[in-house]
Amino acid sequence: MGRLPWVMSDPLANRGTAFTASERDRLGLVGRLPDAVLTLDEQARRAYEQLRRQSGDLAAYINLEQLHDRNEVLYHRLLTDHLTELLPIVYDPTVGEAIKTYSHEYRRPRGVFLSIDRPQDLRRSFEELDLRPDAVDLLVVTDAEQILGIGDWGVHGIQISVGKLAVYTAAAGIDPARCLPVVLDVGTDNETLLNDPLYLGVRHSRTRGARYDAFVAAYLDTVSSLYPDALLHFEDFGAGNARRFLEQYGERYRMFNDDMQGTGAITLAAVRTALDVAGSHFRDQRVVVFGAGTAGVGIADQLREAMIRDGLDADEATRRVWLVDRPGLLLDDMDGLRDYQRGYARPADEVADWPGGGAAGGPAGGEASREGVDLLTTVRNVRPTVLIGTSTVRGAFTREVVEEMAEHVERPVVFPLSNPTEKMEATPADLLRWTGGKALTTAGVPVDPVEIDGVRHVIGQANNALVYPGVGLGVVVSRAERLTPGMLLAAADAVAGQVAGGGPGAPLLPQVENLRACSAAVAVAVVRAAVADGVARVAPGDVVQAVQDAMWQPVYGETPRPSC
């Protein structure tokens, strides 16, 4: 059989059985499709039926990717119609399983693959896409060193960029034709991949140091010059690199790091709601973060900014945050502190007089296996009002830790944000039971409601998808020169503002099923903040309408025509 006409090979143009008789005649499709002409609604119903027949989540993921490769409008229509159900399929957690099998399940390329062994091809890789400078709004790039909770997966990380962009489109209407997924293939330290004869990536250990830094710098310089209006989203880089690049280049380029800034903003939104319930203020908080990696420090940064906005000076706000990692409370005389942790390390003499301050103990006050100030000792002495977990240490928020905290604060704010479920620091059910229903809590994974003393507590999920799609849309609409702290604070406030009600047991965050409306509200707030901060190159008169007009809809538009 002859090759497919171009219009059926291009997923952005293909409509399959929705091509009308006149379109089939004009585009050379006569005899290439069954006679019936279906509407997009009918196609979506059939695609959903096919999806429901799949044997499991990974099979459903593959089915969706095959649809993605055939018909982008139909794919995004299906996601939009069933976003709550399909979000865990196209992204975390199912995408993690798909990433592991990428080289063996490979079907067709999607995205831009940049090899550190061929840096001379970097610019050409984009130029051969033949895209105008104003034709790209968003690039999501990863080097796949720290993919979700599964670690280093080399070139397989392209799937994280693809999945992230799918959520941008489904949640905020970012036009998929104006997005590029990218992977920086710099090698991998995953021996399973290096020993796999079918592995598709660069076959050597992960490149580090000056050569790696030069490759990232070349990427930023290239894409910012080719696509000067695009937001450059960094995803799942190693902990030290994520913050380092953001600090080094954040003022020069239009950059966003979801692992740091997105996680920080969604947590800030939940804390803001919790403080409203408790009748407290940011300037009065004492925050302990257990887990001093990319996410934990990103959260600390956002809460620190909120304290400053609420009246504290920068030094005092920093002193209101305590970071605890597996070796214990971060102290300035510790060996091996990362650059991004040093700003929050406490003076060693501060804890010298703490009861148990120098005692050995596990990170949660359990087994005496490590020297340092453990979590329980920190909680006893700091008396935090807010306790956040990003450690992936299961059960770290023990009953003793939580009851100690609750003894000194009427409404303890406790967020076990690690995922998946088996790595949570505590369950919301336990937190509520140990505090007699007084804890204000959210989680990093979906959690069923909890009933305590006749009150049904709905547990909101701290899902970054409530933040980053709207941030991206706001940057697209405002053409902001860079992403400011004020824009992130505005995004967090907008998410918190979407929480309905506020009665006993109400969630601290909006439900994921309201994601598209939440993204629009976030985008409006980000645009206004960009204008106020003086970084917007476009200042719409009617911001709400400008955001609505910018949101791409999964519908068939004009009859597609070839580009040449």
Protein backbone atom coordinates (compact mmCIF):
# COMPACT_ATOMS: atom_id res chain seq x y z
CA MET A 1 0.00 0.00 0.00
CA GLY A 2 1.30 3.48 -0.84
CA ARG A 3 2.55 5.86 1.80
CA LEU A 4 0.07 7.90 3.78
CA PRO A 5 -0.77 11.41 2.53
CA TRP A 6 1.06 14.08 4.52
CA VAL A 7 -2.11 15.16 6.29
CA MET A 8 -2.57 11.72 7.83
CA SER A 9 1.09 11.46 8.86
CA ASP A 10 1.13 14.80 10.72
CA PRO A 11 -0.58 14.39 14.13
CA LEU A 12 -1.18 18.15 14.33
CA ALA A 13 -3.13 18.09 11.06
CA ASN A 14 -4.68 14.63 11.04
CA ARG A 15 -8.42 14.31 11.73
CA GLY A 16 -8.87 10.67 10.79
CA THR A 17 -12.50 9.77 10.27
CA ALA A 18 -13.54 13.39 10.93
CA PHE A 19 -12.33 14.54 7.50
CA THR A 20 -15.39 15.59 5.50
CA ALA A 21 -16.09 14.35 1.96
CA SER A 22 -14.91 17.63 0.44
CA GLU A 23 -11.72 17.60 2.55
CA ARG A 24 -11.01 14.01 1.52
CA ASP A 25 -11.40 15.00 -2.11
CA ARG A 26 -9.12 18.05 -1.85
CA LEU A 27 -6.43 16.40 0.28
CA GLY A 28 -6.06 13.20 -1.70
CA LEU A 29 -7.79 10.98 0.83
CA VAL A 30 -10.42 9.44 -1.43
CA GLY A 31 -10.57 5.72 -0.70
CA ARG A 32 -8.14 5.99 2.22
CA LEU A 33 -10.77 6.16 4.98
CA PRO A 34 -14.03 4.35 5.81
CA ASP A 35 -17.10 6.10 4.41
CA ALA A 36 -18.55 7.40 7.67
CA VAL A 37 -17.67 10.93 8.80
CA LEU A 38 -17.56 11.19 12.59
CA THR A 39 -17.68 14.28 14.75
CA LEU A 40 -14.92 15.00 17.25
CA ASP A 41 -17.36 14.09 20.04
CA GLU A 42 -17.95 10.69 18.46
CA GLN A 43 -14.25 10.11 17.96
CA ALA A 44 -13.59 11.03 21.59
CA ARG A 45 -16.26 8.61 22.79
CA ARG A 46 -14.74 5.76 20.76
CA ALA A 47 -11.20 6.63 21.92
CA TYR A 48 -12.35 6.58 25.55
CA GLU A 49 -14.02 3.20 25.07
CA GLN A 50 -10.78 1.84 23.62
CA LEU A 51 -8.83 3.28 26.53
CA ARG A 52 -11.13 1.70 29.11
CA ARG A 53 -10.52 -1.72 27.59
CA GLN A 54 -6.77 -1.59 28.32
CA SER A 55 -5.44 -4.11 30.83
CA GLY A 56 -3.73 -1.68 33.18
CA ASP A 57 -2.28 1.80 33.65
CA LEU A 58 0.85 1.18 31.57
CA ALA A 59 -1.22 -0.25 28.72
CA ALA A 60 -3.48 2.79 28.97
CA TYR A 61 -0.41 5.05 28.78
CA ILE A 62 0.78 3.31 25.61
CA ASN A 63 -2.70 3.53 24.10
CA LEU A 64 -2.78 7.27 24.77
CA GLU A 65 0.70 7.79 23.32
CA GLN A 66 -0.32 5.96 20.15
CA LEU A 67 -3.30 8.30 19.87
CA HIS A 68 -0.96 11.24 20.55
CA ASP A 69 1.18 10.11 17.62
CA ARG A 70 -1.84 9.95 15.30
CA ASN A 71 -4.11 12.85 16.21
CA GLU A 72 -3.11 15.59 18.64
CA VAL A 73 -6.50 17.32 18.76
CA LEU A 74 -8.30 14.10 19.65
CA TYR A 75 -5.62 13.19 22.20
CA HIS A 76 -5.95 16.52 23.98
CA ARG A 77 -9.74 16.41 23.77
CA LEU A 78 -9.66 13.07 25.57
CA LEU A 79 -7.36 14.46 28.27
CA THR A 80 -9.50 17.56 28.73
CA ASP A 81 -12.72 15.54 29.01
CA HIS A 82 -11.26 13.09 31.55
CA LEU A 83 -8.44 15.08 33.14
CA THR A 84 -8.86 13.89 36.72
CA GLU A 85 -8.86 10.25 35.64
CA LEU A 86 -6.06 10.52 33.08
CA LEU A 87 -3.63 12.87 34.83
CA PRO A 88 -2.05 9.96 36.78
CA ILE A 89 -1.75 8.06 33.47
CA VAL A 90 -0.05 10.68 31.28
CA TYR A 91 2.11 11.88 34.18
CA ASP A 92 3.03 10.74 37.67
CA PRO A 93 2.93 7.89 38.61
CA THR A 94 2.41 5.91 35.37
CA VAL A 95 4.89 7.90 33.30
CA GLY A 96 7.59 6.62 35.66
CA GLU A 97 6.87 3.04 34.61
CA ALA A 98 6.78 4.06 30.95
CA ILE A 99 10.16 5.74 31.29
CA LYS A 100 11.76 2.54 32.53
CA THR A 101 10.74 0.67 29.36
CA TYR A 102 11.26 3.48 26.81
CA SER A 103 14.07 1.89 24.80
CA HIS A 104 12.15 -1.39 24.53
CA GLU A 105 8.75 0.16 23.80
CA TYR A 106 10.13 2.81 21.42
CA ARG A 107 7.74 3.55 18.57
CA ARG A 108 8.50 6.96 17.08
CA PRO A 109 10.49 10.01 18.21
CA ARG A 110 8.75 12.93 19.87
CA GLY A 111 10.85 15.89 20.92
CA VAL A 112 14.41 17.13 20.45
CA PHE A 113 17.30 14.86 21.47
CA LEU A 114 20.55 16.69 22.23
CA SER A 115 23.70 14.60 22.71
CA ILE A 116 26.59 15.93 24.73
CA ASP A 117 28.86 13.91 22.42
CA ARG A 118 27.72 16.07 19.49
CA PRO A 119 27.51 19.62 20.85
CA GLN A 120 28.08 20.94 17.33
CA ASP A 121 24.59 19.64 16.43
CA LEU A 122 22.78 21.56 19.16
CA ARG A 123 21.78 24.63 17.16
CA ARG A 124 21.17 22.65 13.98
CA SER A 125 18.78 20.35 15.86
CA PHE A 126 16.45 23.29 16.40
CA GLU A 127 17.06 25.10 13.14
CA GLU A 128 15.97 22.05 11.16
CA LEU A 129 12.56 22.28 12.82
CA ASP A 130 12.12 25.39 10.65
CA LEU A 131 10.10 27.25 13.28
CA ARG A 132 9.79 31.05 13.28
CA PRO A 133 11.16 32.91 16.32
CA ASP A 134 7.61 33.76 17.43
CA ALA A 135 6.26 30.22 16.89
CA VAL A 136 7.42 28.68 20.19
CA ASP A 137 5.92 29.53 23.59
CA LEU A 138 7.35 26.83 25.80
CA LEU A 139 10.20 24.30 25.98
CA VAL A 140 10.40 21.67 28.71
CA VAL A 141 13.92 20.27 29.11
CA THR A 142 15.34 17.57 31.36
CA ASP A 143 18.69 15.88 31.80
CA ALA A 144 16.84 13.04 33.59
CA GLU A 145 19.22 12.80 36.54
CA GLN A 146 16.45 12.80 39.13
CA ILE A 147 13.24 11.58 37.47
CA LEU A 148 10.31 11.66 39.91
CA GLY A 149 11.13 9.06 42.57
CA ILE A 150 12.98 6.67 40.25
CA GLY A 151 16.33 8.39 39.73
CA ASP A 152 18.61 8.57 36.68
CA TRP A 153 17.08 7.31 33.41
CA GLY A 154 19.20 8.97 30.74
CA VAL A 155 17.57 9.60 27.38
CA HIS A 156 14.36 7.95 28.62
CA GLY A 157 13.70 11.28 30.37
CA ILE A 158 12.25 12.69 27.14
CA GLN A 159 8.97 11.15 28.30
CA ILE A 160 8.92 13.43 31.34
CA SER A 161 9.14 16.45 29.04
CA VAL A 162 6.39 15.07 26.80
CA GLY A 163 4.14 14.34 29.77
CA LYS A 164 4.69 17.75 31.34
CA LEU A 165 3.68 19.47 28.11
CA ALA A 166 0.55 17.32 27.85
CA VAL A 167 -0.51 18.68 31.25
CA TYR A 168 0.31 22.26 30.21
CA THR A 169 -2.07 21.85 27.27
CA ALA A 170 -4.87 19.97 29.04
CA ALA A 171 -4.82 22.19 32.13
CA ALA A 172 -4.03 25.63 30.70
CA GLY A 173 -4.58 25.46 26.95
CA ILE A 174 -0.97 25.98 25.91
CA ASP A 175 -1.04 25.31 22.14
CA PRO A 176 0.75 21.96 21.57
CA ALA A 177 1.98 23.19 18.18
CA ARG A 178 3.95 25.88 20.04
CA CYS A 179 5.68 23.55 22.53
CA LEU A 180 8.90 21.54 22.35
CA PRO A 181 9.94 18.66 24.63
CA VAL A 182 13.72 18.39 24.96
CA VAL A 183 16.18 15.98 26.59
CA LEU A 184 19.83 16.75 27.28
CA ASP A 185 21.42 13.33 26.81
CA VAL A 186 24.58 13.69 28.89
CA GLY A 187 25.01 10.00 29.72
CA THR A 188 23.69 8.00 32.64
CA ASP A 189 24.97 6.34 35.79
CA ASN A 190 22.19 3.76 35.57
CA GLU A 191 24.08 0.52 34.99
CA THR A 192 20.92 -1.29 33.89
CA LEU A 193 20.68 1.08 30.94
CA LEU A 194 24.38 1.02 30.13
CA ASN A 195 24.31 -2.78 29.98
CA ASP A 196 21.14 -2.93 27.89
CA PRO A 197 22.01 -3.53 24.20
CA LEU A 198 18.78 -1.79 23.17
CA TYR A 199 19.40 1.40 25.19
CA LEU A 200 18.89 4.38 22.87
CA GLY A 201 20.96 7.02 24.64
CA VAL A 202 24.59 8.04 24.94
CA ARG A 203 26.36 4.95 26.26
CA HIS A 204 28.67 6.28 28.96
CA SER A 205 28.49 7.54 32.51
CA ARG A 206 26.91 10.90 33.24
CA THR A 207 29.07 13.85 32.17
CA ARG A 208 29.69 16.39 34.91
CA GLY A 209 31.83 19.43 35.55
CA ALA A 210 32.85 22.11 33.05
CA ARG A 211 31.83 20.13 29.95
CA TYR A 212 28.33 19.57 31.31
CA ASP A 213 27.96 23.20 32.39
CA ALA A 214 29.05 24.40 28.94
CA PHE A 215 26.46 22.15 27.30
CA VAL A 216 23.64 23.57 29.45
CA ALA A 217 24.88 27.11 28.79
CA ALA A 218 24.92 26.42 25.05
CA TYR A 219 21.36 25.09 25.24
CA LEU A 220 20.11 28.20 27.01
CA ASP A 221 21.92 30.55 24.64
CA THR A 222 20.63 28.69 21.58
CA VAL A 223 16.95 28.40 22.47
CA SER A 224 16.72 31.90 23.90
CA SER A 225 18.14 33.35 20.68
CA LEU A 226 16.02 31.19 18.37
CA TYR A 227 12.78 31.55 20.38
CA PRO A 228 13.09 34.81 22.32
CA ASP A 229 9.52 34.74 23.70
CA ALA A 230 9.57 31.15 25.02
CA LEU A 231 9.46 30.06 28.65
CA LEU A 232 12.34 27.68 29.41
CA HIS A 233 11.04 25.06 31.85
CA PHE A 234 13.66 22.89 33.61
CA GLU A 235 12.47 19.53 34.95
CA ASP A 236 14.03 16.73 37.04
CA PHE A 237 17.63 17.95 37.04
CA GLY A 238 19.81 16.80 39.93
CA ALA A 239 19.29 18.65 43.21
CA GLY A 240 22.47 20.72 43.12
CA ASN A 241 22.20 21.56 39.43
CA ALA A 242 18.54 22.57 39.60
CA ARG A 243 19.12 25.38 42.05
CA ARG A 244 22.53 26.32 40.68
CA PHE A 245 21.20 26.92 37.17
CA LEU A 246 18.20 28.83 38.46
CA GLU A 247 20.42 31.13 40.50
CA GLN A 248 22.98 31.51 37.73
CA TYR A 249 20.61 32.12 34.83
CA GLY A 250 17.22 33.06 36.31
CA GLU A 251 17.79 36.79 35.90
CA ARG A 252 19.09 36.42 32.35
CA TYR A 253 16.57 34.01 30.84
CA ARG A 254 12.85 33.36 31.12
CA MET A 255 13.34 30.24 33.28
CA PHE A 256 11.11 28.14 35.53
CA ASN A 257 12.00 25.08 37.60
CA ASP A 258 8.94 23.18 38.68
CA ASP A 259 10.77 20.96 41.17
CA MET A 260 11.74 24.04 43.14
CA GLN A 261 9.41 26.90 42.24
CA GLY A 262 6.29 24.91 41.42
CA THR A 263 6.57 22.72 44.53
CA GLY A 264 7.25 25.78 46.64
CA ALA A 265 4.26 27.66 45.23
CA ILE A 266 1.73 24.85 45.71
CA THR A 267 2.93 24.32 49.28
CA LEU A 268 2.75 28.05 49.92
CA ALA A 269 -0.85 28.04 48.68
CA ALA A 270 -1.80 25.27 51.12
CA VAL A 271 -0.01 26.99 54.02
CA ARG A 272 -1.81 30.23 53.25
CA THR A 273 -5.19 28.48 53.40
CA ALA A 274 -4.20 26.73 56.62
CA LEU A 275 -3.17 30.01 58.25
CA ASP A 276 -6.48 31.56 57.24
CA VAL A 277 -8.25 28.70 59.01
CA ALA A 278 -6.01 29.04 62.06
CA GLY A 279 -6.33 32.83 62.11
CA SER A 280 -2.58 33.33 61.95
CA HIS A 281 -0.05 35.20 59.80
CA PHE A 282 3.08 34.25 57.87
CA ARG A 283 5.22 36.60 59.95
CA ASP A 284 4.37 34.59 63.08
CA GLN A 285 5.36 31.14 61.77
CA ARG A 286 8.19 28.81 62.72
CA VAL A 287 8.76 26.32 59.92
CA VAL A 288 10.55 22.97 60.02
CA VAL A 289 11.15 21.25 56.68
CA PHE A 290 12.23 17.61 56.85
CA GLY A 291 14.01 16.79 53.60
CA ALA A 292 16.56 19.39 52.45
CA GLY A 293 16.71 18.50 48.77
CA THR A 294 15.46 20.44 45.75
CA ALA A 295 11.80 20.35 46.79
CA GLY A 296 12.41 21.08 50.47
CA VAL A 297 14.65 24.07 49.84
CA GLY A 298 12.28 25.33 47.14
CA ILE A 299 9.46 25.26 49.69
CA ALA A 300 11.65 27.03 52.25
CA ASP A 301 12.39 29.74 49.69
CA GLN A 302 8.72 30.38 48.95
CA LEU A 303 7.69 30.47 52.62
CA ARG A 304 10.59 32.79 53.37
CA GLU A 305 9.40 35.15 50.60
CA ALA A 306 5.89 35.09 52.07
CA MET A 307 7.25 36.04 55.50
CA ILE A 308 9.17 38.93 53.98
CA ARG A 309 6.04 40.08 52.18
CA ASP A 310 4.23 39.92 55.54
CA GLY A 311 6.67 42.30 57.21
CA LEU A 312 9.79 40.43 58.31
CA ASP A 313 13.21 41.43 57.06
CA ALA A 314 15.17 38.86 55.04
CA ASP A 315 17.46 37.76 57.90
CA GLU A 316 14.61 37.29 60.36
CA ALA A 317 12.58 35.35 57.79
CA THR A 318 15.54 33.03 57.18
CA ARG A 319 15.89 32.46 60.93
CA ARG A 320 12.26 31.29 61.02
CA VAL A 321 13.08 28.24 58.86
CA TRP A 322 14.83 25.09 60.09
CA LEU A 323 15.90 22.41 57.58
CA VAL A 324 16.38 18.83 58.75
CA ASP A 325 17.84 16.15 56.50
CA ARG A 326 18.62 12.51 57.19
CA PRO A 327 21.84 13.36 59.10
CA GLY A 328 19.87 15.80 61.25
CA LEU A 329 19.31 19.55 61.54
CA LEU A 330 21.51 21.43 59.06
CA LEU A 331 24.27 23.21 60.97
CA ASP A 332 26.95 25.49 59.63
CA ASP A 333 29.81 23.26 60.84
CA MET A 334 28.58 20.20 58.94
CA ASP A 335 30.70 18.69 56.19
CA GLY A 336 29.15 18.11 52.81
CA LEU A 337 26.48 20.81 52.82
CA ARG A 338 25.36 21.71 49.32
CA ASP A 339 25.52 25.33 48.20
CA TYR A 340 21.75 25.65 48.15
CA GLN A 341 21.49 24.40 51.76
CA ARG A 342 24.07 26.71 53.32
CA GLY A 343 21.80 29.73 53.53
CA TYR A 344 19.50 27.84 55.90
CA ALA A 345 22.17 26.08 58.01
CA ARG A 346 21.86 27.09 61.67
CA PRO A 347 24.85 28.25 63.73
CA ALA A 348 26.20 25.23 65.59
CA ASP A 349 26.29 27.14 68.88
CA GLU A 350 22.54 27.75 68.58
CA VAL A 351 21.83 24.12 69.48
CA ALA A 352 24.61 23.62 72.02
CA ASP A 353 22.25 24.07 74.97
CA TRP A 354 19.30 22.20 73.48
CA PRO A 355 18.28 19.20 75.58
CA GLY A 356 19.56 16.25 73.56
CA GLY A 357 21.08 18.61 71.03
CA GLY A 358 24.23 16.63 70.53
CA ALA A 359 22.75 13.19 71.08
CA ALA A 360 22.84 10.47 68.51
CA GLY A 361 19.55 9.62 66.91
CA GLY A 362 17.82 8.78 63.69
CA PRO A 363 16.29 11.56 61.63
CA ALA A 364 12.88 11.12 63.27
CA GLY A 365 14.15 10.42 66.75
CA GLY A 366 14.10 6.66 66.38
CA GLU A 367 17.15 4.41 66.32
CA ALA A 368 20.42 5.84 67.62
CA SER A 369 22.20 5.41 64.33
CA ARG A 370 23.38 8.90 63.39
CA GLU A 371 24.96 11.75 65.25
CA GLY A 372 23.22 15.09 65.03
CA VAL A 373 20.07 16.90 66.03
CA ASP A 374 17.19 14.68 64.98
CA LEU A 375 13.70 15.72 63.96
CA LEU A 376 12.11 15.09 67.35
CA THR A 377 14.76 17.15 69.15
CA THR A 378 14.30 19.94 66.62
CA VAL A 379 10.53 19.95 67.10
CA ARG A 380 10.89 19.97 70.90
CA ASN A 381 13.16 23.01 70.83
CA VAL A 382 11.80 24.99 67.87
CA ARG A 383 8.11 24.40 68.65
CA PRO A 384 7.20 24.78 64.97
CA THR A 385 3.82 25.92 63.78
CA VAL A 386 4.42 24.37 60.34
CA LEU A 387 6.02 20.97 59.66
CA ILE A 388 6.62 19.89 56.07
CA GLY A 389 7.99 16.60 54.79
CA THR A 390 9.79 16.09 51.48
CA SER A 391 12.16 13.39 52.74
CA THR A 392 10.67 10.16 51.29
CA VAL A 393 11.31 8.63 54.75
CA ARG A 394 8.25 6.57 55.49
CA GLY A 395 6.73 7.22 58.90
CA ALA A 396 9.20 9.97 59.83
CA PHE A 397 6.40 12.03 61.38
CA THR A 398 5.88 9.71 64.31
CA ARG A 399 3.11 10.07 66.86
CA GLU A 400 5.68 11.40 69.35
CA VAL A 401 6.84 14.09 66.89
CA VAL A 402 3.30 15.16 66.04
CA GLU A 403 2.02 15.17 69.62
CA GLU A 404 5.07 17.19 70.69
CA MET A 405 4.26 19.76 68.02
CA ALA A 406 0.54 19.84 68.87
CA GLU A 407 1.33 20.48 72.55
CA HIS A 408 2.55 23.98 71.66
CA VAL A 409 0.24 25.07 68.82
CA GLU A 410 -3.55 24.94 68.62
CA ARG A 411 -3.79 24.10 64.90
CA PRO A 412 -0.56 22.40 63.79
CA VAL A 413 0.07 22.62 60.04
CA VAL A 414 1.57 19.28 58.98
CA PHE A 415 2.16 18.39 55.32
CA PRO A 416 3.59 14.93 54.50
CA LEU A 417 4.32 15.69 50.85
CA SER A 418 6.56 12.78 49.82
CA ASN A 419 5.27 10.40 47.19
CA PRO A 420 4.41 7.71 46.31
CA THR A 421 2.17 6.65 49.20
CA GLU A 422 4.67 4.18 50.64
CA LYS A 423 7.17 7.03 51.17
CA MET A 424 4.85 9.43 53.02
CA GLU A 425 6.12 10.79 56.33
CA ALA A 426 2.69 10.08 57.86
CA THR A 427 -0.86 9.51 56.72
CA PRO A 428 -3.37 12.34 57.10
CA ALA A 429 -5.61 9.88 58.95
CA ASP A 430 -2.93 9.37 61.63
CA LEU A 431 -2.17 13.09 61.85
CA LEU A 432 -5.82 13.90 62.44
CA ARG A 433 -6.28 11.06 64.92
CA TRP A 434 -3.17 12.00 66.94
CA THR A 435 -4.29 15.65 67.17
CA GLY A 436 -7.99 15.10 67.80
CA GLY A 437 -8.86 16.47 64.36
CA LYS A 438 -6.95 19.72 64.88
CA ALA A 439 -4.14 19.17 62.38
CA LEU A 440 -4.36 21.11 59.14
CA THR A 441 -2.97 18.79 56.51
CA THR A 442 -2.55 18.06 52.84
CA ALA A 443 -0.58 15.35 51.05
CA GLY A 444 1.52 14.83 47.96
CA VAL A 445 -0.69 11.98 46.74
CA PRO A 446 -4.47 11.52 46.43
CA VAL A 447 -5.92 10.57 49.84
CA ASP A 448 -9.45 9.51 50.75
CA PRO A 449 -11.45 11.72 53.15
CA VAL A 450 -11.00 11.05 56.86
CA GLU A 451 -13.78 11.19 59.46
CA ILE A 452 -12.82 12.26 62.97
CA ASP A 453 -15.42 12.90 65.70
CA GLY A 454 -18.20 13.28 63.15
CA VAL A 455 -16.27 15.74 60.93
CA ARG A 456 -15.42 14.63 57.40
CA HIS A 457 -11.97 15.97 56.50
CA VAL A 458 -11.33 16.26 52.75
CA ILE A 459 -7.59 16.06 52.07
CA GLY A 460 -6.34 18.28 49.25
CA GLN A 461 -3.48 17.06 47.09
CA ALA A 462 -0.41 19.27 46.75
CA ASN A 463 -0.20 18.64 43.04
CA ASN A 464 2.08 20.99 41.11
CA ALA A 465 -0.34 20.77 38.18
CA LEU A 466 -2.46 23.28 40.09
CA VAL A 467 0.34 25.83 39.63
CA TYR A 468 2.74 25.39 36.71
CA PRO A 469 0.26 25.32 33.79
CA GLY A 470 -1.21 28.64 34.90
CA VAL A 471 2.25 30.11 35.47
CA GLY A 472 3.22 29.12 31.94
CA LEU A 473 0.04 30.59 30.47
CA GLY A 474 0.55 33.83 32.40
CA VAL A 475 4.08 34.16 31.03
CA VAL A 476 2.82 33.49 27.49
CA VAL A 477 0.11 36.16 27.76
CA SER A 478 2.32 38.80 29.40
CA ARG A 479 5.49 37.93 27.46
CA ALA A 480 7.27 38.48 30.77
CA GLU A 481 11.01 38.97 30.47
CA ARG A 482 11.59 36.71 33.46
CA LEU A 483 9.75 35.00 36.30
CA THR A 484 9.80 37.07 39.50
CA PRO A 485 9.18 36.05 43.12
CA GLY A 486 6.12 38.27 43.01
CA MET A 487 4.68 36.28 40.10
CA LEU A 488 5.14 33.01 42.03
CA LEU A 489 3.56 34.48 45.16
CA ALA A 490 0.65 35.68 43.04
CA ALA A 491 0.26 32.18 41.60
CA ALA A 492 0.15 30.66 45.09
CA ASP A 493 -2.39 33.23 46.25
CA ALA A 494 -4.56 32.50 43.22
CA VAL A 495 -4.54 28.76 43.95
CA ALA A 496 -5.47 29.39 47.58
CA GLY A 497 -8.23 31.71 46.41
CA GLN A 498 -9.85 28.83 44.50
CA VAL A 499 -10.63 26.92 47.70
CA ALA A 500 -14.37 26.98 48.24
CA GLY A 501 -16.08 27.12 51.61
CA GLY A 502 -13.61 26.83 54.43
CA GLY A 503 -15.83 25.08 56.98
CA PRO A 504 -14.69 22.25 59.27
CA GLY A 505 -12.85 19.58 57.32
CA ALA A 506 -12.63 21.58 54.09
CA PRO A 507 -9.60 20.89 51.88
CA LEU A 508 -6.68 23.33 51.88
CA LEU A 509 -6.30 23.15 48.10
CA PRO A 510 -8.74 23.07 45.17
CA GLN A 511 -9.66 19.71 43.70
CA VAL A 512 -7.84 18.53 40.58
CA GLU A 513 -11.12 18.26 38.65
CA ASN A 514 -11.21 22.08 38.67
CA LEU A 515 -7.75 22.26 37.13
CA ARG A 516 -8.58 24.24 33.98
CA ALA A 517 -10.46 26.94 35.90
CA CYS A 518 -7.68 27.06 38.48
CA SER A 519 -5.06 27.46 35.74
CA ALA A 520 -6.95 30.38 34.24
CA ALA A 521 -7.14 32.11 37.64
CA VAL A 522 -3.41 31.54 38.20
CA ALA A 523 -2.59 32.92 34.75
CA VAL A 524 -4.59 36.09 35.40
CA ALA A 525 -2.75 36.63 38.70
CA VAL A 526 0.64 35.99 37.07
CA VAL A 527 -0.04 38.48 34.27
CA ARG A 528 -1.05 41.17 36.76
CA ALA A 529 2.03 40.48 38.89
CA ALA A 530 4.28 40.63 35.82
CA VAL A 531 2.84 44.05 34.99
CA ALA A 532 3.24 45.24 38.60
CA ASP A 533 6.84 43.97 38.72
CA GLY A 534 7.70 45.77 35.48
CA VAL A 535 8.70 42.64 33.54
CA ALA A 536 5.65 42.30 31.26
CA ARG A 537 6.19 43.23 27.62
CA VAL A 538 2.44 43.01 27.02
CA ALA A 539 -0.05 44.60 29.44
CA PRO A 540 -3.58 43.57 28.37
CA GLY A 541 -6.38 45.98 29.11
CA ASP A 542 -8.74 43.11 29.97
CA VAL A 543 -6.49 40.47 31.54
CA VAL A 544 -9.24 37.92 32.08
CA GLN A 545 -10.30 38.03 28.44
CA ALA A 546 -6.70 37.97 27.24
CA VAL A 547 -6.10 34.76 29.20
CA GLN A 548 -9.28 33.15 27.86
CA ASP A 549 -8.39 34.13 24.30
CA ALA A 550 -4.92 32.58 24.68
CA MET A 551 -6.19 29.18 25.81
CA TRP A 552 -6.03 26.69 22.93
CA GLN A 553 -9.08 24.47 22.64
CA PRO A 554 -8.98 20.85 21.37
CA VAL A 555 -11.28 21.38 18.38
CA TYR A 556 -10.75 20.98 14.66
CA GLY A 557 -10.16 24.39 13.09
CA GLU A 558 -9.72 25.30 9.46
CA THR A 559 -8.98 22.55 6.98
CA PRO A 560 -5.22 21.89 7.30
CA ARG A 561 -2.89 22.83 4.48
CA PRO A 562 0.69 21.71 3.90
CA SER A 563 3.34 24.14 5.12
CA CYS A 564 5.04 24.32 1.74
